Amino acid sequence: MTAEVRVMVYQAAHDERELAAVRAAYHEVSTRLATVPGLLGNELLRSPHDPTSLVVLSRWAGREAFDAWESGASHRADTAPLRAYRDTRRPVPFSVYEVDAAH
């Protein structure tokens, strides 16, 4: 059985204008990705401890589905609206985790 995967892409918004832009870009990207095979959904999360820190958390049916999309021709164009808001305070722009256990 293939384990579900969670992908976290780190974003940053340093003021209300940027926050509105990140939200708009998130909705645009989400619409573009609505029919991607294996994508189960996504969320835009904001830290209550650091309001400039945001994460786009996507849920995938498995690593194979994520890898197929990420290596595909449309990946970079589909996610381009969010790229300007990547959190450059982090050494890497995203993380991938396989679900190891769940309730």
C-alpha atoms as a PDB file:
ATOM      1  CA  MET A   1       0.000   0.000   0.000  1.00  0.00           C
ATOM      2  CA  THR A   2       1.297   3.457  -0.912  1.00  0.00           C
ATOM      3  CA  ALA A   3       1.516   5.941   1.943  1.00  0.00           C
ATOM      4  CA  GLU A   4      -0.136   9.314   1.526  1.00  0.00           C
ATOM      5  CA  VAL A   5       2.255  12.234   1.266  1.00  0.00           C
ATOM      6  CA  ARG A   6       2.141  15.764   2.675  1.00  0.00           C
ATOM      7  CA  VAL A   7       4.078  18.517   0.959  1.00  0.00           C
ATOM      8  CA  MET A   8       4.767  21.807   2.710  1.00  0.00           C
ATOM      9  CA  VAL A   9       5.839  24.827   0.675  1.00  0.00           C
ATOM     10  CA  TYR A  10       7.002  27.689   2.871  1.00  0.00           C
ATOM     11  CA  GLN A  11       5.708  31.167   2.055  1.00  0.00           C
ATOM     12  CA  ALA A  12       6.159  34.574   3.678  1.00  0.00           C
ATOM     13  CA  ALA A  13       4.081  37.748   3.820  1.00  0.00           C
ATOM     14  CA  HIS A  14       5.664  40.716   5.561  1.00  0.00           C
ATOM     15  CA  ASP A  15       2.662  43.045   5.504  1.00  0.00           C
ATOM     16  CA  GLU A  16      -1.075  43.057   4.762  1.00  0.00           C
ATOM     17  CA  ARG A  17      -0.527  43.774   1.055  1.00  0.00           C
ATOM     18  CA  GLU A  18       1.735  40.740   0.688  1.00  0.00           C
ATOM     19  CA  LEU A  19      -0.671  38.610   2.727  1.00  0.00           C
ATOM     20  CA  ALA A  20      -3.503  39.514   0.351  1.00  0.00           C
ATOM     21  CA  ALA A  21      -1.232  38.702  -2.608  1.00  0.00           C
ATOM     22  CA  VAL A  22      -0.257  35.309  -1.147  1.00  0.00           C
ATOM     23  CA  ARG A  23      -3.923  34.461  -0.565  1.00  0.00           C
ATOM     24  CA  ALA A  24      -4.828  35.454  -4.134  1.00  0.00           C
ATOM     25  CA  ALA A  25      -1.903  33.451  -5.556  1.00  0.00           C
ATOM     26  CA  TYR A  26      -2.846  30.445  -3.385  1.00  0.00           C
ATOM     27  CA  HIS A  27      -6.406  30.458  -4.751  1.00  0.00           C
ATOM     28  CA  GLU A  28      -5.142  30.830  -8.329  1.00  0.00           C
ATOM     29  CA  VAL A  29      -2.710  27.929  -7.962  1.00  0.00           C
ATOM     30  CA  SER A  30      -5.343  25.785  -6.224  1.00  0.00           C
ATOM     31  CA  THR A  31      -7.730  26.320  -9.134  1.00  0.00           C
ATOM     32  CA  ARG A  32      -5.009  25.339 -11.612  1.00  0.00           C
ATOM     33  CA  LEU A  33      -4.237  22.153  -9.656  1.00  0.00           C
ATOM     34  CA  ALA A  34      -7.838  21.062  -9.014  1.00  0.00           C
ATOM     35  CA  THR A  35      -7.678  18.246 -11.575  1.00  0.00           C
ATOM     36  CA  VAL A  36      -4.128  16.981 -10.950  1.00  0.00           C
ATOM     37  CA  PRO A  37      -4.251  13.187 -10.492  1.00  0.00           C
ATOM     38  CA  GLY A  38      -3.394  12.137  -6.948  1.00  0.00           C
ATOM     39  CA  LEU A  39      -3.766  15.581  -5.358  1.00  0.00           C
ATOM     40  CA  LEU A  40      -6.239  15.120  -2.499  1.00  0.00           C
ATOM     41  CA  GLY A  41      -6.420  18.778  -1.451  1.00  0.00           C
ATOM     42  CA  ASN A  42      -4.444  21.643   0.019  1.00  0.00           C
ATOM     43  CA  GLU A  43      -4.580  24.360   2.656  1.00  0.00           C
ATOM     44  CA  LEU A  44      -2.939  27.705   3.282  1.00  0.00           C
ATOM     45  CA  LEU A  45      -1.767  27.798   6.904  1.00  0.00           C
ATOM     46  CA  ARG A  46      -0.552  30.832   8.858  1.00  0.00           C
ATOM     47  CA  SER A  47       1.471  30.704  12.062  1.00  0.00           C
ATOM     48  CA  PRO A  48      -0.147  32.394  15.063  1.00  0.00           C
ATOM     49  CA  HIS A  49       3.351  32.792  16.567  1.00  0.00           C
ATOM     50  CA  ASP A  50       4.846  34.425  13.469  1.00  0.00           C
ATOM     51  CA  PRO A  51       2.134  35.963  11.258  1.00  0.00           C
ATOM     52  CA  THR A  52       4.664  36.474   8.438  1.00  0.00           C
ATOM     53  CA  SER A  53       5.122  32.692   8.163  1.00  0.00           C
ATOM     54  CA  LEU A  54       2.746  30.732   5.932  1.00  0.00           C
ATOM     55  CA  VAL A  55       2.720  27.199   4.560  1.00  0.00           C
ATOM     56  CA  VAL A  56       0.856  25.669   1.651  1.00  0.00           C
ATOM     57  CA  LEU A  57       0.160  22.111   2.802  1.00  0.00           C
ATOM     58  CA  SER A  58      -0.904  19.710   0.062  1.00  0.00           C
ATOM     59  CA  ARG A  59      -2.105  16.151   0.507  1.00  0.00           C
ATOM     60  CA  TRP A  60      -1.205  13.544  -2.113  1.00  0.00           C
ATOM     61  CA  ALA A  61      -2.370   9.957  -2.645  1.00  0.00           C
ATOM     62  CA  GLY A  62       1.263   8.831  -2.684  1.00  0.00           C
ATOM     63  CA  ARG A  63       4.822   9.805  -3.485  1.00  0.00           C
ATOM     64  CA  GLU A  64       4.452   8.511  -7.040  1.00  0.00           C
ATOM     65  CA  ALA A  65       1.580  10.940  -7.741  1.00  0.00           C
ATOM     66  CA  PHE A  66       3.511  13.885  -6.311  1.00  0.00           C
ATOM     67  CA  ASP A  67       6.714  12.992  -8.174  1.00  0.00           C
ATOM     68  CA  ALA A  68       4.823  12.585 -11.469  1.00  0.00           C
ATOM     69  CA  TRP A  69       3.261  16.029 -11.096  1.00  0.00           C
ATOM     70  CA  GLU A  70       6.480  17.679  -9.881  1.00  0.00           C
ATOM     71  CA  SER A  71       8.490  16.319 -12.806  1.00  0.00           C
ATOM     72  CA  GLY A  72       5.760  17.195 -15.322  1.00  0.00           C
ATOM     73  CA  ALA A  73       5.826  20.024 -17.821  1.00  0.00           C
ATOM     74  CA  SER A  74       3.148  22.156 -16.124  1.00  0.00           C
ATOM     75  CA  HIS A  75       4.502  22.091 -12.529  1.00  0.00           C
ATOM     76  CA  ARG A  76       6.521  25.315 -12.666  1.00  0.00           C
ATOM     77  CA  ALA A  77       3.919  27.291 -14.621  1.00  0.00           C
ATOM     78  CA  ASP A  78       1.071  26.118 -12.390  1.00  0.00           C
ATOM     79  CA  THR A  79       2.833  27.217  -9.200  1.00  0.00           C
ATOM     80  CA  ALA A  80       4.445  30.391 -10.572  1.00  0.00           C
ATOM     81  CA  PRO A  81       2.019  32.819  -8.856  1.00  0.00           C
ATOM     82  CA  LEU A  82       3.256  31.703  -5.408  1.00  0.00           C
ATOM     83  CA  ARG A  83       6.970  31.602  -6.222  1.00  0.00           C
ATOM     84  CA  ALA A  84       7.535  35.306  -5.470  1.00  0.00           C
ATOM     85  CA  TYR A  85       6.377  34.709  -1.874  1.00  0.00           C
ATOM     86  CA  ARG A  86       8.656  31.797  -0.969  1.00  0.00           C
ATOM     87  CA  ASP A  87      10.052  32.119   2.536  1.00  0.00           C
ATOM     88  CA  THR A  88      13.737  32.827   1.912  1.00  0.00           C
ATOM     89  CA  ARG A  89      14.469  32.635   5.649  1.00  0.00           C
ATOM     90  CA  ARG A  90      14.443  28.846   5.299  1.00  0.00           C
ATOM     91  CA  PRO A  91      17.306  26.872   3.760  1.00  0.00           C
ATOM     92  CA  VAL A  92      14.916  24.860   1.543  1.00  0.00           C
ATOM     93  CA  PRO A  93      11.624  26.047   0.017  1.00  0.00           C
ATOM     94  CA  PHE A  94       9.614  22.890   0.689  1.00  0.00           C
ATOM     95  CA  SER A  95       9.449  19.573   2.583  1.00  0.00           C
ATOM     96  CA  VAL A  96       7.903  16.215   1.690  1.00  0.00           C
ATOM     97  CA  TYR A  97       6.643  13.815   4.351  1.00  0.00           C
ATOM     98  CA  GLU A  98       5.076  10.368   4.001  1.00  0.00           C
ATOM     99  CA  VAL A  99       2.273   9.568   6.435  1.00  0.00           C
ATOM    100  CA  ASP A 100       3.702   7.057   8.861  1.00  0.00           C
ATOM    101  CA  ALA A 101       0.680   6.699  11.144  1.00  0.00           C
ATOM    102  CA  ALA A 102      -2.768   8.270  11.434  1.00  0.00           C
ATOM    103  CA  HIS A 103      -5.957   8.040  13.511  1.00  0.00           C
END
